[in-house]
Amino acid sequence: MVKLRYLYIPNFSPENKKALLENSPKLDDLETLSNPYFTRVEDAELMLRKTPNLRKLICEVQCLKYPHQYHMLNFPIRLEILKLHLSKAFETVPFCISAPNLKYLKFSGFYLNSQYLSETADHLKHLEVLKLYRVEFGDHGEWKVSSGKFPKLKILKLEYVSLMKWIVADDAFPNLEQLVLLGCEDLMEVPSCFMNILSLKYIEVDICNKSVVKSAKDIQETQVEDNQNTNFKLVIIKVHY
């Protein structure tokens, strides 16, 4: 099946998966790989070597053991969509991601901190969509985003994350168009720097506290009245009390 383009592998045991990877030919034409489950970095690396032209990967991982704190996991150069889910709730991501042409990244179930996200962003300069779903933030629930980390990001979605304090540099998201905050009940406010992002068109707030809603309304006022951003839209769905 060397011409295979789409492969879905559900619920394979580690032994069967390892045998499949070791005995299979190199799948140069494979573009989409869904639902492989990995418990070791070595198996993930073997899979990536076998699929050099992969464009989309949806992957579930356990705590991939490796002697170094952040092993660099190099994804295929053509990879554009990556969804990573951790099977054990809220453990640290055991590897850094290098995917030079990645446009879409979703993390779910991971424990993240500012350092990890900063190091990862350095290798994802073409990223356009970032989704964090049920992510636990370290550093006492703080996320610092420094200048120039996400130069091409257009869509940022934070869903049910344990984020309290969000510190964002003025030019961290220079091309952001959409910001979605869902179930961020601990978040204190939306950073004021979003007032000055001229590309911003849409903010959605759902199940967040009143201070987040207030800061979002302040951003709306500045965007519409001061910046004359007539395309801007704020949607408040439900306030968390």
Protein backbone atom coordinates (compact mmCIF):
# COMPACT_ATOMS: atom_id res chain seq x y z
CA MET A 1 0.00 0.00 0.00
CA VAL A 2 2.83 2.38 -0.82
CA LYS A 3 0.37 4.73 -2.59
CA LEU A 4 -1.82 5.05 0.51
CA ARG A 5 -2.84 8.65 1.27
CA TYR A 6 -5.14 8.30 4.32
CA LEU A 7 -4.60 5.98 7.29
CA TYR A 8 -6.78 5.61 10.40
CA ILE A 9 -5.36 3.42 13.22
CA PRO A 10 -7.72 3.13 16.23
CA ASN A 11 -6.94 1.33 19.48
CA PHE A 12 -3.78 -0.49 18.48
CA SER A 13 -1.84 -2.10 21.29
CA PRO A 14 1.77 -0.90 21.65
CA GLU A 15 3.08 -4.31 20.53
CA ASN A 16 0.98 -4.40 17.35
CA LYS A 17 1.78 -0.80 16.54
CA LYS A 18 5.52 -1.31 16.93
CA ALA A 19 5.44 -4.35 14.66
CA LEU A 20 3.38 -2.45 12.10
CA LEU A 21 5.81 0.47 12.07
CA GLU A 22 8.95 -1.66 11.89
CA ASN A 23 7.66 -3.95 9.13
CA SER A 24 5.85 -1.42 6.97
CA PRO A 25 7.44 0.27 3.95
CA LYS A 26 8.07 3.98 3.78
CA LEU A 27 4.75 5.63 2.95
CA ASP A 28 5.86 8.54 0.81
CA ASP A 29 2.33 9.36 -0.39
CA LEU A 30 0.63 9.29 3.02
CA GLU A 31 -0.90 12.71 3.74
CA THR A 32 -3.30 12.08 6.66
CA LEU A 33 -2.69 9.88 9.71
CA SER A 34 -5.38 9.67 12.40
CA ASN A 35 -5.48 8.24 15.91
CA PRO A 36 -2.18 6.45 16.40
CA TYR A 37 -1.33 6.02 20.09
CA PHE A 38 2.25 6.27 21.30
CA THR A 39 3.90 5.58 24.62
CA ARG A 40 7.52 6.06 23.52
CA VAL A 41 9.35 8.85 21.70
CA GLU A 42 11.21 6.24 19.65
CA ASP A 43 7.94 4.91 18.17
CA ALA A 44 6.78 8.43 17.32
CA GLU A 45 10.09 9.20 15.61
CA LEU A 46 9.94 5.94 13.63
CA MET A 47 6.43 6.81 12.47
CA LEU A 48 7.54 10.26 11.34
CA ARG A 49 10.49 8.81 9.39
CA LYS A 50 8.09 6.44 7.61
CA THR A 51 5.76 9.29 6.59
CA PRO A 52 7.97 12.11 5.22
CA ASN A 53 5.16 13.88 3.29
CA LEU A 54 2.52 13.89 6.01
CA ARG A 55 0.22 16.93 5.96
CA LYS A 56 -2.23 16.13 8.77
CA LEU A 57 -1.65 14.21 12.01
CA ILE A 58 -4.13 13.53 14.81
CA CYS A 59 -2.26 11.74 17.56
CA GLU A 60 -2.80 10.52 21.12
CA VAL A 61 0.23 10.18 23.34
CA GLN A 62 0.96 8.85 26.78
CA CYS A 63 3.86 10.32 28.74
CA LEU A 64 6.56 9.71 26.14
CA LYS A 65 9.61 8.93 28.24
CA TYR A 66 12.91 10.46 27.19
CA PRO A 67 16.07 11.16 29.20
CA HIS A 68 16.06 14.90 28.39
CA GLN A 69 13.39 17.25 29.64
CA TYR A 70 12.43 18.58 26.23
CA HIS A 71 13.43 16.29 23.39
CA MET A 72 13.02 17.95 19.97
CA LEU A 73 10.52 15.99 17.91
CA ASN A 74 10.94 16.93 14.24
CA PHE A 75 7.74 16.62 12.25
CA PRO A 76 7.65 16.29 8.43
CA ILE A 77 8.36 19.56 6.66
CA ARG A 78 5.03 19.50 4.80
CA LEU A 79 2.92 18.97 7.93
CA GLU A 80 0.24 21.67 8.21
CA ILE A 81 -2.26 20.29 10.77
CA LEU A 82 -1.31 18.72 14.11
CA LYS A 83 -3.66 17.68 16.92
CA LEU A 84 -2.09 16.22 20.06
CA HIS A 85 -4.07 14.70 22.93
CA LEU A 86 -2.54 13.43 26.17
CA SER A 87 -4.14 10.24 27.48
CA LYS A 88 -2.99 10.91 31.06
CA ALA A 89 -4.54 14.09 32.35
CA PHE A 90 -2.29 17.10 32.86
CA GLU A 91 1.23 15.79 32.49
CA THR A 92 4.07 17.86 31.04
CA VAL A 93 4.61 17.63 27.28
CA PRO A 94 7.76 15.49 26.99
CA PHE A 95 8.94 16.95 23.69
CA CYS A 96 9.29 20.21 21.80
CA ILE A 97 7.73 20.52 18.37
CA SER A 98 9.61 21.48 15.24
CA ALA A 99 7.31 21.82 12.23
CA PRO A 100 8.44 24.67 9.98
CA ASN A 101 5.26 24.83 7.87
CA LEU A 102 2.67 23.96 10.52
CA LYS A 103 -0.45 26.14 10.27
CA TYR A 104 -2.84 24.50 12.74
CA LEU A 105 -1.96 23.20 16.23
CA LYS A 106 -4.26 21.86 18.92
CA PHE A 107 -3.11 20.75 22.38
CA SER A 108 -5.57 18.95 24.65
CA GLY A 109 -5.05 17.54 28.13
CA PHE A 110 -1.50 18.82 28.60
CA TYR A 111 0.28 20.70 31.38
CA LEU A 112 1.97 23.71 29.78
CA ASN A 113 4.02 26.67 30.93
CA SER A 114 5.31 29.90 29.40
CA GLN A 115 8.76 28.46 28.73
CA TYR A 116 7.44 25.50 26.78
CA LEU A 117 5.04 27.58 24.70
CA SER A 118 7.78 30.12 24.02
CA GLU A 119 10.27 27.47 22.87
CA THR A 120 7.62 25.77 20.75
CA ALA A 121 6.59 29.05 19.11
CA ASP A 122 10.19 29.61 17.98
CA HIS A 123 9.82 26.57 15.69
CA LEU A 124 6.31 27.40 14.43
CA LYS A 125 6.66 30.74 12.69
CA HIS A 126 3.95 29.94 10.11
CA LEU A 127 1.31 28.95 12.67
CA GLU A 128 -2.11 30.46 11.88
CA VAL A 129 -4.43 28.62 14.29
CA LEU A 130 -3.68 27.68 17.92
CA LYS A 131 -6.22 25.86 20.08
CA LEU A 132 -5.64 24.94 23.72
CA TYR A 133 -8.33 22.63 25.11
CA ARG A 134 -8.45 21.54 28.77
CA VAL A 135 -4.87 22.65 29.30
CA GLU A 136 -3.38 23.17 32.76
CA PHE A 137 -1.05 26.16 33.00
CA GLY A 138 1.99 26.03 35.26
CA ASP A 139 3.67 29.05 36.82
CA HIS A 140 0.64 29.58 39.10
CA GLY A 141 -1.72 29.79 36.13
CA GLU A 142 0.32 32.42 34.30
CA TRP A 143 1.07 32.65 30.59
CA LYS A 144 3.58 35.22 29.34
CA VAL A 145 3.72 35.82 25.60
CA SER A 146 6.72 37.87 24.52
CA SER A 147 7.22 39.97 21.38
CA GLY A 148 7.11 38.34 17.98
CA LYS A 149 6.27 34.83 19.18
CA PHE A 150 3.22 34.31 16.95
CA PRO A 151 3.78 36.55 13.91
CA LYS A 152 1.24 34.88 11.60
CA LEU A 153 -1.36 33.64 14.09
CA LYS A 154 -4.91 34.50 13.00
CA ILE A 155 -7.09 32.41 15.33
CA LEU A 156 -6.52 31.75 19.04
CA LYS A 157 -8.95 29.58 21.01
CA LEU A 158 -8.62 28.89 24.74
CA GLU A 159 -11.22 26.39 25.93
CA TYR A 160 -11.52 25.27 29.56
CA VAL A 161 -7.94 26.18 30.41
CA SER A 162 -6.72 26.86 33.96
CA LEU A 163 -5.31 30.28 33.09
CA MET A 164 -5.41 33.07 35.68
CA LYS A 165 -2.95 35.76 34.62
CA TRP A 166 -2.28 36.39 30.94
CA ILE A 167 0.57 38.75 30.10
CA VAL A 168 0.94 39.60 26.41
CA ALA A 169 3.48 41.87 24.72
CA ASP A 170 2.09 44.52 22.38
CA ASP A 171 3.33 42.81 19.21
CA ALA A 172 2.99 39.16 20.24
CA PHE A 173 -0.04 38.61 17.97
CA PRO A 174 0.34 41.25 15.22
CA ASN A 175 -2.02 39.54 12.74
CA LEU A 176 -4.62 38.03 15.05
CA GLU A 177 -8.18 38.09 13.71
CA GLN A 178 -10.19 35.94 16.15
CA LEU A 179 -9.97 35.32 19.89
CA VAL A 180 -12.28 32.78 21.55
CA LEU A 181 -12.39 32.30 25.32
CA LEU A 182 -14.62 29.44 26.49
CA GLY A 183 -14.80 28.22 30.07
CA CYS A 184 -11.80 30.26 31.22
CA GLU A 185 -13.34 30.74 34.65
CA ASP A 186 -10.09 31.66 36.43
CA LEU A 187 -8.90 34.27 33.94
CA MET A 188 -8.74 37.78 35.42
CA GLU A 189 -9.00 39.82 32.21
CA VAL A 190 -8.29 39.98 28.50
CA PRO A 191 -4.93 41.77 28.10
CA SER A 192 -5.25 45.40 27.07
CA CYS A 193 -2.84 44.93 24.14
CA PHE A 194 -5.74 43.46 22.15
CA MET A 195 -7.09 47.01 21.92
CA ASN A 196 -4.30 47.89 19.49
CA ILE A 197 -4.35 44.85 17.20
CA LEU A 198 -5.77 46.43 14.05
CA SER A 199 -6.34 43.07 12.35
CA LEU A 200 -8.65 41.88 15.16
CA LYS A 201 -12.19 41.25 13.92
CA TYR A 202 -13.85 39.04 16.51
CA ILE A 203 -13.79 38.20 20.22
CA GLU A 204 -16.08 35.57 21.71
CA VAL A 205 -16.46 35.15 25.47
CA ASP A 206 -18.44 32.28 27.02
CA ILE A 207 -18.51 31.00 30.62
CA CYS A 208 -15.93 33.53 31.80
CA ASN A 209 -16.16 35.86 34.80
CA LYS A 210 -17.43 39.44 34.82
CA SER A 211 -13.96 41.01 34.79
CA VAL A 212 -13.15 39.21 31.54
CA VAL A 213 -16.41 40.44 30.04
CA LYS A 214 -15.66 44.00 31.15
CA SER A 215 -12.14 43.97 29.67
CA ALA A 216 -13.54 42.55 26.41
CA LYS A 217 -16.06 45.40 26.26
CA ASP A 218 -13.26 47.92 26.86
CA ILE A 219 -11.38 46.38 23.93
CA GLN A 220 -14.50 46.64 21.78
CA GLU A 221 -14.92 50.33 22.65
CA THR A 222 -11.32 51.14 21.73
CA GLN A 223 -11.38 49.08 18.55
CA VAL A 224 -14.61 50.61 17.25
CA GLU A 225 -14.42 54.19 18.50
CA ASP A 226 -10.71 54.97 18.63
CA ASN A 227 -9.35 52.67 15.92
CA GLN A 228 -12.40 52.97 13.66
CA ASN A 229 -12.36 49.20 13.27
CA THR A 230 -15.90 48.84 11.90
CA ASN A 231 -15.40 45.12 11.20
CA PHE A 232 -14.87 44.31 14.87
CA LYS A 233 -17.50 42.18 16.64
CA LEU A 234 -17.78 41.14 20.30
CA VAL A 235 -20.01 38.19 21.27
CA ILE A 236 -20.83 37.54 24.94
CA ILE A 237 -22.66 34.23 25.32
CA LYS A 238 -22.74 33.44 29.04
CA VAL A 239 -21.14 35.02 32.10
CA HIS A 240 -19.73 32.81 34.85
CA TYR A 241 -20.59 33.98 38.39
